[in-house]
C-alpha cells in the first residue's frame, strides 16, 4: 500500500504533466504540442447502466486509470512530414494492458523502440524475457504528414502503480 506521502507526490507529477518531446523540438517547427492527463471515472446510474468519462484528476490511488494526451496542430503554411512525438511515462504509472498493441514503445529509456511484443528486458539473473506493460518507459508516434491547419490528438492509457 502506498503511503499518503507517495500518493501526494504522484498527484503532483500528474498535475504538472511534462510536455511531450518531439524530434522537431530542436529546430523551429510550426507544430505546436500541448499535453494533459485525465482520470477515468466510471459511474453507474439508477438503472444499472455504466458510463465512463474523463475528468481532472484529484485524489489518485494505486489502480486508478489515467489517459495521457497530446494535442498537436500545424500552425505553418507547409505540410510537416514524419513528425515524431515521444512521451516518457512517469515512474508512478504503467502502460495499461488495453493500450494499442501497435503502439511504438521503449522499455530502456528511449534507446530501443518497437511494439511491446517485440521487445525484451533483462532479468536479474541475466536471462531475458518478453517486455510487459509495466516495463514501458516511453511511447512514440510518427505522424506521416500534418497538413497546414491540421490538428489531432494522441493518447495512451495508464494505471497508477
N, C-alpha and C. Protein backbone atom coordinates (compact mmCIF):
# COMPACT_ATOMS: atom_id res chain seq x y z
N UNK A 1 0.85 -1.18 0.00
CA UNK A 1 0.00 0.00 0.00
C UNK A 1 0.89 1.24 0.00
N UNK A 2 0.58 2.15 -0.86
CA UNK A 2 1.36 3.38 -0.94
C UNK A 2 1.03 4.27 0.26
N UNK A 3 2.02 4.99 0.72
CA UNK A 3 1.78 5.91 1.81
C UNK A 3 1.12 7.17 1.29
N UNK A 4 0.53 7.95 2.17
CA UNK A 4 -0.11 9.20 1.78
C UNK A 4 0.91 10.12 1.11
N UNK A 5 2.13 10.14 1.61
CA UNK A 5 3.17 10.98 1.02
C UNK A 5 3.45 10.58 -0.42
N UNK A 6 3.50 9.27 -0.71
CA UNK A 6 3.74 8.80 -2.07
C UNK A 6 2.59 9.17 -2.99
N UNK A 7 1.34 9.07 -2.49
CA UNK A 7 0.18 9.41 -3.32
C UNK A 7 0.16 10.90 -3.63
N UNK A 8 0.51 11.73 -2.65
CA UNK A 8 0.57 13.17 -2.89
C UNK A 8 1.65 13.48 -3.92
N UNK A 9 2.80 12.81 -3.81
CA UNK A 9 3.88 13.02 -4.78
C UNK A 9 3.42 12.62 -6.18
N UNK A 10 2.70 11.50 -6.28
CA UNK A 10 2.20 11.07 -7.59
C UNK A 10 1.22 12.09 -8.14
N UNK A 11 0.35 12.63 -7.29
CA UNK A 11 -0.60 13.64 -7.74
C UNK A 11 0.13 14.86 -8.28
N UNK A 12 1.20 15.25 -7.62
CA UNK A 12 1.98 16.40 -8.09
C UNK A 12 2.58 16.12 -9.46
N UNK A 13 2.99 14.89 -9.70
CA UNK A 13 3.53 14.53 -11.01
C UNK A 13 2.47 14.75 -12.08
N UNK A 14 1.25 14.32 -11.80
CA UNK A 14 0.19 14.41 -12.79
C UNK A 14 -0.35 15.81 -12.96
N UNK A 15 -0.25 16.62 -11.93
CA UNK A 15 -0.76 17.99 -12.05
C UNK A 15 0.20 18.87 -12.83
N UNK A 16 1.41 18.41 -13.04
CA UNK A 16 2.39 19.18 -13.82
C UNK A 16 2.92 18.30 -14.95
N UNK A 17 2.02 17.90 -15.83
CA UNK A 17 2.34 16.98 -16.92
C UNK A 17 3.47 17.54 -17.77
N UNK A 18 4.48 16.72 -17.99
CA UNK A 18 5.60 17.12 -18.83
C UNK A 18 5.13 17.22 -20.28
N UNK A 19 5.66 18.17 -20.98
CA UNK A 19 5.33 18.30 -22.39
C UNK A 19 5.98 17.16 -23.16
N UNK A 20 5.30 16.70 -24.18
CA UNK A 20 5.90 15.66 -24.99
C UNK A 20 7.16 16.15 -25.68
N UNK A 21 8.02 15.23 -25.96
CA UNK A 21 9.27 15.53 -26.64
C UNK A 21 9.07 15.26 -28.12
N UNK A 22 9.49 16.16 -28.96
CA UNK A 22 9.33 15.98 -30.40
C UNK A 22 10.68 15.99 -31.09
N UNK A 23 10.77 15.22 -32.15
CA UNK A 23 12.01 15.21 -32.93
C UNK A 23 12.24 16.57 -33.57
N UNK A 24 11.18 17.35 -33.74
CA UNK A 24 11.30 18.67 -34.35
C UNK A 24 11.54 19.76 -33.30
N UNK A 25 11.56 19.39 -32.03
CA UNK A 25 11.66 20.39 -30.97
C UNK A 25 12.98 21.16 -31.03
N UNK A 26 14.02 20.55 -31.54
CA UNK A 26 15.31 21.24 -31.58
C UNK A 26 15.33 22.34 -32.63
N UNK A 27 14.62 22.15 -33.72
CA UNK A 27 14.54 23.15 -34.77
C UNK A 27 13.28 23.97 -34.58
N UNK A 28 13.03 24.89 -35.50
CA UNK A 28 11.82 25.68 -35.44
C UNK A 28 10.73 24.94 -36.19
N UNK A 29 9.81 24.39 -35.47
CA UNK A 29 8.73 23.63 -36.07
C UNK A 29 7.44 24.42 -35.98
N UNK A 30 6.62 24.36 -37.02
CA UNK A 30 5.33 25.02 -36.96
C UNK A 30 4.28 24.21 -36.20
N UNK A 31 4.67 23.03 -35.71
CA UNK A 31 3.72 22.18 -35.00
C UNK A 31 3.77 22.51 -33.51
N UNK A 32 2.62 22.86 -32.96
CA UNK A 32 2.52 23.11 -31.52
C UNK A 32 2.03 21.84 -30.83
N UNK A 33 2.50 21.63 -29.60
CA UNK A 33 2.13 20.47 -28.81
C UNK A 33 1.61 20.94 -27.45
N UNK A 34 0.60 20.23 -26.95
CA UNK A 34 0.06 20.53 -25.64
C UNK A 34 -0.34 19.21 -24.98
N UNK A 35 0.19 18.95 -23.79
CA UNK A 35 -0.08 17.69 -23.10
C UNK A 35 -1.02 17.85 -21.93
N UNK A 36 -1.76 16.78 -21.63
CA UNK A 36 -2.63 16.77 -20.45
C UNK A 36 -2.78 15.34 -19.95
N UNK A 37 -3.35 15.22 -18.76
CA UNK A 37 -3.66 13.91 -18.20
C UNK A 37 -5.04 13.99 -17.56
N UNK A 38 -5.85 12.97 -17.82
CA UNK A 38 -7.20 12.92 -17.28
C UNK A 38 -7.39 11.58 -16.56
N UNK A 39 -8.21 11.62 -15.51
CA UNK A 39 -8.56 10.40 -14.79
C UNK A 39 -9.79 9.79 -15.43
N UNK A 40 -9.84 8.46 -15.45
CA UNK A 40 -11.00 7.75 -15.98
C UNK A 40 -11.94 7.48 -14.80
N UNK A 41 -13.16 8.01 -14.92
CA UNK A 41 -14.15 7.85 -13.85
C UNK A 41 -15.32 7.06 -14.40
N UNK A 42 -15.66 5.98 -13.72
CA UNK A 42 -16.78 5.14 -14.13
C UNK A 42 -17.89 5.28 -13.10
N UNK A 43 -19.10 5.46 -13.59
CA UNK A 43 -20.25 5.56 -12.68
C UNK A 43 -21.38 4.69 -13.20
N UNK A 44 -22.30 4.36 -12.29
CA UNK A 44 -23.46 3.54 -12.63
C UNK A 44 -24.71 4.33 -12.25
N UNK A 45 -25.64 4.46 -13.22
CA UNK A 45 -26.87 5.20 -12.92
C UNK A 45 -27.88 4.30 -12.21
N UNK A 46 -29.05 4.85 -11.88
CA UNK A 46 -30.07 4.11 -11.13
C UNK A 46 -30.55 2.86 -11.87
N UNK A 47 -30.48 2.88 -13.20
CA UNK A 47 -30.93 1.73 -13.99
C UNK A 47 -29.84 0.67 -14.13
N UNK A 48 -28.65 0.95 -13.57
CA UNK A 48 -27.56 -0.01 -13.65
C UNK A 48 -26.68 0.14 -14.88
N UNK A 49 -26.90 1.22 -15.64
CA UNK A 49 -26.08 1.48 -16.83
C UNK A 49 -24.76 2.12 -16.43
N UNK A 50 -23.69 1.56 -16.93
CA UNK A 50 -22.36 2.07 -16.60
C UNK A 50 -21.92 3.09 -17.65
N UNK A 51 -21.34 4.19 -17.18
CA UNK A 51 -20.79 5.18 -18.11
C UNK A 51 -19.40 5.58 -17.64
N UNK A 52 -18.57 5.92 -18.61
CA UNK A 52 -17.20 6.30 -18.32
C UNK A 52 -16.96 7.69 -18.87
N UNK A 53 -16.26 8.51 -18.09
CA UNK A 53 -15.90 9.84 -18.55
C UNK A 53 -14.50 10.19 -18.08
N UNK A 54 -13.88 11.13 -18.78
CA UNK A 54 -12.56 11.62 -18.39
C UNK A 54 -12.75 12.88 -17.58
N UNK A 55 -12.09 12.95 -16.41
CA UNK A 55 -12.21 14.09 -15.51
C UNK A 55 -10.82 14.53 -15.06
N UNK A 56 -10.73 15.75 -14.57
CA UNK A 56 -9.48 16.23 -13.99
C UNK A 56 -9.13 15.35 -12.80
N UNK A 57 -7.89 14.88 -12.70
CA UNK A 57 -7.52 14.05 -11.55
C UNK A 57 -7.51 14.88 -10.27
N UNK A 58 -8.03 14.29 -9.20
CA UNK A 58 -7.95 14.95 -7.89
C UNK A 58 -7.17 14.02 -6.97
N UNK A 59 -7.83 13.13 -6.30
CA UNK A 59 -7.14 12.15 -5.47
C UNK A 59 -6.96 10.89 -6.31
N UNK A 60 -5.74 10.43 -6.42
CA UNK A 60 -5.46 9.22 -7.18
C UNK A 60 -4.81 8.19 -6.27
N UNK A 61 -5.13 6.94 -6.53
CA UNK A 61 -4.59 5.86 -5.71
C UNK A 61 -4.14 4.74 -6.65
N UNK A 62 -3.32 3.84 -6.15
CA UNK A 62 -2.88 2.72 -6.99
C UNK A 62 -4.08 1.98 -7.60
N UNK A 63 -3.95 1.68 -8.89
CA UNK A 63 -5.01 1.00 -9.61
C UNK A 63 -5.89 1.94 -10.41
N UNK A 64 -5.87 3.24 -10.11
CA UNK A 64 -6.68 4.20 -10.88
C UNK A 64 -6.17 4.29 -12.31
N UNK A 65 -7.11 4.49 -13.24
CA UNK A 65 -6.78 4.63 -14.66
C UNK A 65 -6.67 6.10 -15.04
N UNK A 66 -5.68 6.38 -15.88
CA UNK A 66 -5.47 7.72 -16.41
C UNK A 66 -5.34 7.63 -17.93
N UNK A 67 -5.59 8.74 -18.61
CA UNK A 67 -5.33 8.85 -20.04
C UNK A 67 -4.42 10.05 -20.24
N UNK A 68 -3.22 9.79 -20.78
CA UNK A 68 -2.29 10.86 -21.11
C UNK A 68 -2.54 11.26 -22.56
N UNK A 69 -2.66 12.56 -22.81
CA UNK A 69 -2.95 13.01 -24.16
C UNK A 69 -2.01 14.10 -24.61
N UNK A 70 -1.81 14.16 -25.92
CA UNK A 70 -1.02 15.22 -26.55
C UNK A 70 -1.80 15.72 -27.75
N UNK A 71 -2.14 17.01 -27.72
CA UNK A 71 -2.78 17.65 -28.87
C UNK A 71 -1.68 18.25 -29.72
N UNK A 72 -1.82 18.14 -31.04
CA UNK A 72 -0.85 18.75 -31.96
C UNK A 72 -1.60 19.54 -33.02
N UNK A 73 -0.94 20.57 -33.52
CA UNK A 73 -1.52 21.40 -34.58
C UNK A 73 -0.41 21.99 -35.42
N UNK A 74 -0.57 21.90 -36.74
CA UNK A 74 0.38 22.52 -37.67
C UNK A 74 -0.09 23.95 -37.91
N UNK A 75 0.64 24.90 -37.36
CA UNK A 75 0.29 26.31 -37.49
C UNK A 75 1.05 26.98 -38.62
N UNK A 76 1.75 26.19 -39.41
CA UNK A 76 2.54 26.73 -40.51
C UNK A 76 1.79 26.69 -41.83
N UNK A 77 2.47 27.13 -42.88
CA UNK A 77 1.89 27.18 -44.22
C UNK A 77 2.26 25.97 -45.07
N UNK A 78 3.14 25.12 -44.58
CA UNK A 78 3.61 23.94 -45.32
C UNK A 78 3.28 22.67 -44.54
N UNK A 79 3.10 21.57 -45.26
CA UNK A 79 2.91 20.29 -44.55
C UNK A 79 4.19 19.93 -43.78
N UNK A 80 4.02 19.22 -42.68
CA UNK A 80 5.14 18.71 -41.91
C UNK A 80 5.13 17.20 -42.06
N UNK A 81 6.24 16.65 -42.50
CA UNK A 81 6.34 15.22 -42.78
C UNK A 81 7.07 14.48 -41.66
N UNK A 82 6.64 13.26 -41.39
CA UNK A 82 7.30 12.37 -40.42
C UNK A 82 7.58 13.06 -39.09
N UNK A 83 6.55 13.64 -38.52
CA UNK A 83 6.67 14.34 -37.24
C UNK A 83 6.63 13.32 -36.11
N UNK A 84 7.62 13.35 -35.24
CA UNK A 84 7.75 12.37 -34.16
C UNK A 84 7.41 13.02 -32.83
N UNK A 85 6.52 12.36 -32.08
CA UNK A 85 6.16 12.80 -30.73
C UNK A 85 6.52 11.66 -29.78
N UNK A 86 7.33 11.96 -28.78
CA UNK A 86 7.75 10.97 -27.79
C UNK A 86 7.32 11.42 -26.41
N UNK A 87 6.63 10.55 -25.69
CA UNK A 87 6.19 10.85 -24.33
C UNK A 87 6.82 9.87 -23.35
N UNK A 88 7.58 10.37 -22.39
CA UNK A 88 8.05 9.48 -21.32
C UNK A 88 6.90 9.17 -20.36
N UNK A 89 6.83 7.94 -19.88
CA UNK A 89 5.84 7.58 -18.87
C UNK A 89 6.37 7.97 -17.50
N UNK A 90 5.58 8.68 -16.70
CA UNK A 90 6.01 8.95 -15.33
C UNK A 90 6.23 7.63 -14.59
N UNK A 91 7.20 7.59 -13.70
CA UNK A 91 7.52 6.34 -13.00
C UNK A 91 6.37 5.85 -12.11
N UNK A 92 5.44 6.72 -11.77
CA UNK A 92 4.32 6.34 -10.91
C UNK A 92 3.21 5.60 -11.66
N UNK A 93 3.36 5.44 -12.98
CA UNK A 93 2.33 4.74 -13.75
C UNK A 93 2.95 3.63 -14.58
N UNK A 94 2.06 2.74 -15.04
CA UNK A 94 2.47 1.71 -16.01
C UNK A 94 1.49 1.79 -17.18
N UNK A 95 1.95 1.41 -18.34
CA UNK A 95 1.08 1.38 -19.51
C UNK A 95 -0.05 0.39 -19.24
N UNK A 96 -1.28 0.78 -19.55
CA UNK A 96 -2.43 -0.08 -19.30
C UNK A 96 -2.42 -1.27 -20.26
N UNK A 97 -2.90 -2.42 -19.82
CA UNK A 97 -2.91 -3.62 -20.65
C UNK A 97 -3.76 -3.48 -21.92
N UNK A 98 -4.72 -2.57 -21.93
CA UNK A 98 -5.57 -2.39 -23.10
C UNK A 98 -5.03 -1.32 -24.06
N UNK A 99 -3.80 -0.89 -23.87
CA UNK A 99 -3.18 0.06 -24.80
C UNK A 99 -3.07 -0.59 -26.18
N UNK A 100 -3.09 0.22 -27.22
CA UNK A 100 -2.97 -0.26 -28.59
C UNK A 100 -1.74 -1.15 -28.73
N UNK A 101 -1.93 -2.38 -29.19
CA UNK A 101 -0.83 -3.33 -29.33
C UNK A 101 0.19 -2.88 -30.37
N UNK A 102 -0.20 -1.99 -31.27
CA UNK A 102 0.70 -1.49 -32.31
C UNK A 102 1.43 -0.21 -31.89
N UNK A 103 1.21 0.25 -30.68
CA UNK A 103 1.86 1.44 -30.17
C UNK A 103 3.38 1.22 -30.14
N UNK A 104 4.13 2.19 -30.62
CA UNK A 104 5.60 2.10 -30.57
C UNK A 104 6.05 2.51 -29.18
N UNK A 105 6.81 1.65 -28.53
CA UNK A 105 7.23 1.89 -27.15
C UNK A 105 8.72 1.60 -26.97
N UNK A 106 9.23 2.07 -25.84
CA UNK A 106 10.59 1.73 -25.42
C UNK A 106 10.52 1.19 -24.00
N UNK A 107 11.38 0.25 -23.70
CA UNK A 107 11.46 -0.30 -22.34
C UNK A 107 12.84 -0.03 -21.73
N UNK A 108 13.65 0.76 -22.45
CA UNK A 108 15.01 1.03 -21.99
C UNK A 108 15.35 2.52 -22.00
N UNK A 109 14.36 3.35 -21.69
CA UNK A 109 14.62 4.78 -21.60
C UNK A 109 14.70 5.49 -22.94
N UNK A 110 14.19 4.90 -23.98
CA UNK A 110 14.17 5.55 -25.29
C UNK A 110 15.32 5.17 -26.20
N UNK A 111 16.09 4.15 -25.84
CA UNK A 111 17.21 3.71 -26.68
C UNK A 111 16.71 2.82 -27.81
N UNK A 112 15.87 1.85 -27.48
CA UNK A 112 15.36 0.88 -28.44
C UNK A 112 13.84 1.03 -28.53
N UNK A 113 13.30 0.88 -29.77
CA UNK A 113 11.88 1.08 -30.00
C UNK A 113 11.27 -0.11 -30.72
N UNK A 114 10.00 -0.37 -30.47
CA UNK A 114 9.26 -1.40 -31.17
C UNK A 114 7.89 -1.57 -30.54
N UNK A 115 7.12 -2.53 -31.04
CA UNK A 115 5.87 -2.87 -30.36
C UNK A 115 6.23 -3.70 -29.14
N UNK A 116 5.37 -3.69 -28.16
CA UNK A 116 5.68 -4.35 -26.89
C UNK A 116 6.06 -5.81 -27.08
N UNK A 117 5.37 -6.51 -27.95
CA UNK A 117 5.65 -7.94 -28.16
C UNK A 117 7.00 -8.24 -28.79
N UNK A 118 7.67 -7.23 -29.34
CA UNK A 118 8.97 -7.46 -29.99
C UNK A 118 10.15 -7.08 -29.10
N UNK A 119 9.89 -6.52 -27.94
CA UNK A 119 10.97 -6.05 -27.06
C UNK A 119 11.20 -7.01 -25.91
N UNK A 120 12.43 -7.04 -25.42
CA UNK A 120 12.77 -7.88 -24.28
C UNK A 120 13.45 -7.04 -23.21
N UNK A 121 13.43 -7.57 -21.99
CA UNK A 121 14.14 -6.94 -20.87
C UNK A 121 14.96 -8.01 -20.17
N UNK A 122 16.02 -7.56 -19.52
CA UNK A 122 16.91 -8.49 -18.81
C UNK A 122 16.41 -8.73 -17.39
N UNK A 123 16.43 -9.99 -16.99
CA UNK A 123 16.12 -10.35 -15.61
C UNK A 123 17.39 -10.18 -14.77
N UNK A 124 17.23 -10.19 -13.47
CA UNK A 124 18.38 -10.04 -12.58
C UNK A 124 19.40 -11.16 -12.75
N UNK A 125 18.95 -12.35 -13.16
CA UNK A 125 19.87 -13.48 -13.31
C UNK A 125 20.55 -13.52 -14.68
N UNK A 126 20.32 -12.47 -15.51
CA UNK A 126 20.97 -12.40 -16.81
C UNK A 126 20.15 -12.95 -17.96
N UNK A 127 19.09 -13.67 -17.66
CA UNK A 127 18.21 -14.16 -18.73
C UNK A 127 17.34 -13.00 -19.22
N UNK A 128 16.67 -13.21 -20.33
CA UNK A 128 15.77 -12.18 -20.84
C UNK A 128 14.35 -12.72 -20.90
N UNK A 129 13.42 -11.80 -20.94
CA UNK A 129 12.01 -12.15 -21.07
C UNK A 129 11.34 -11.11 -21.97
N UNK A 130 10.18 -11.47 -22.48
CA UNK A 130 9.41 -10.52 -23.29
C UNK A 130 8.98 -9.36 -22.39
N UNK A 131 9.08 -8.16 -22.91
CA UNK A 131 8.71 -6.97 -22.14
C UNK A 131 7.21 -6.99 -21.84
N UNK A 132 6.87 -6.41 -20.70
CA UNK A 132 5.48 -6.30 -20.26
C UNK A 132 5.08 -4.83 -20.18
N UNK A 133 3.80 -4.58 -20.05
CA UNK A 133 3.30 -3.20 -19.98
C UNK A 133 3.98 -2.40 -18.87
N UNK A 134 4.27 -3.03 -17.75
CA UNK A 134 4.90 -2.34 -16.63
C UNK A 134 6.35 -1.93 -16.93
N UNK A 135 6.95 -2.50 -17.98
CA UNK A 135 8.34 -2.18 -18.34
C UNK A 135 8.47 -0.95 -19.24
N UNK A 136 7.37 -0.48 -19.81
CA UNK A 136 7.42 0.61 -20.79
C UNK A 136 7.87 1.91 -20.12
N UNK A 137 8.86 2.56 -20.73
CA UNK A 137 9.38 3.84 -20.22
C UNK A 137 8.96 5.02 -21.09
N UNK A 138 8.67 4.77 -22.38
CA UNK A 138 8.31 5.83 -23.32
C UNK A 138 7.34 5.28 -24.36
N UNK A 139 6.50 6.17 -24.89
CA UNK A 139 5.69 5.85 -26.05
C UNK A 139 6.03 6.86 -27.14
N UNK A 140 5.88 6.43 -28.40
CA UNK A 140 6.26 7.31 -29.51
C UNK A 140 5.31 7.11 -30.68
N UNK A 141 4.99 8.20 -31.33
CA UNK A 141 4.18 8.18 -32.54
C UNK A 141 4.96 8.91 -33.63
N UNK A 142 4.84 8.43 -34.86
CA UNK A 142 5.36 9.15 -36.02
C UNK A 142 4.16 9.46 -36.90
N UNK A 143 3.90 10.75 -37.07
CA UNK A 143 2.77 11.20 -37.88
C UNK A 143 3.30 11.43 -39.28
N UNK A 144 2.81 10.68 -40.24
CA UNK A 144 3.35 10.71 -41.61
C UNK A 144 3.31 12.11 -42.20
N UNK A 145 2.20 12.81 -42.05
CA UNK A 145 2.09 14.15 -42.61
C UNK A 145 1.03 14.93 -41.85
N UNK A 146 1.35 16.18 -41.55
CA UNK A 146 0.39 17.08 -40.91
C UNK A 146 0.23 18.28 -41.84
N UNK A 147 -0.93 18.40 -42.45
CA UNK A 147 -1.20 19.48 -43.39
C UNK A 147 -1.31 20.82 -42.66
N UNK A 148 -1.08 21.92 -43.34
CA UNK A 148 -1.27 23.24 -42.70
C UNK A 148 -2.69 23.35 -42.12
N UNK A 149 -2.77 23.79 -40.88
CA UNK A 149 -4.06 23.93 -40.21
C UNK A 149 -4.61 22.65 -39.61
N UNK A 150 -3.99 21.52 -39.91
CA UNK A 150 -4.47 20.24 -39.39
C UNK A 150 -4.08 20.09 -37.93
N UNK A 151 -4.95 19.43 -37.16
CA UNK A 151 -4.66 19.15 -35.76
C UNK A 151 -5.14 17.75 -35.43
N UNK A 152 -4.70 17.24 -34.31
CA UNK A 152 -5.11 15.92 -33.88
C UNK A 152 -4.73 15.67 -32.44
N UNK A 153 -5.00 14.47 -31.99
CA UNK A 153 -4.72 14.11 -30.60
C UNK A 153 -4.15 12.71 -30.55
N UNK A 154 -3.15 12.53 -29.70
CA UNK A 154 -2.51 11.24 -29.45
C UNK A 154 -2.76 10.90 -27.98
N UNK A 155 -3.09 9.65 -27.68
CA UNK A 155 -3.38 9.26 -26.31
C UNK A 155 -2.83 7.88 -25.99
N UNK A 156 -2.55 7.68 -24.70
CA UNK A 156 -2.26 6.33 -24.23
C UNK A 156 -2.84 6.18 -22.82
N UNK A 157 -3.37 4.98 -22.51
CA UNK A 157 -3.92 4.74 -21.18
C UNK A 157 -2.84 4.25 -20.23
N UNK A 158 -2.97 4.63 -18.96
CA UNK A 158 -2.01 4.22 -17.95
C UNK A 158 -2.75 3.90 -16.65
N UNK A 159 -2.06 3.18 -15.78
CA UNK A 159 -2.61 2.80 -14.49
C UNK A 159 -1.61 3.19 -13.41
N UNK A 160 -2.12 3.79 -12.31
CA UNK A 160 -1.26 4.16 -11.19
C UNK A 160 -0.68 2.90 -10.57
N UNK A 161 0.64 2.90 -10.36
CA UNK A 161 1.31 1.73 -9.74
C UNK A 161 0.98 1.63 -8.27
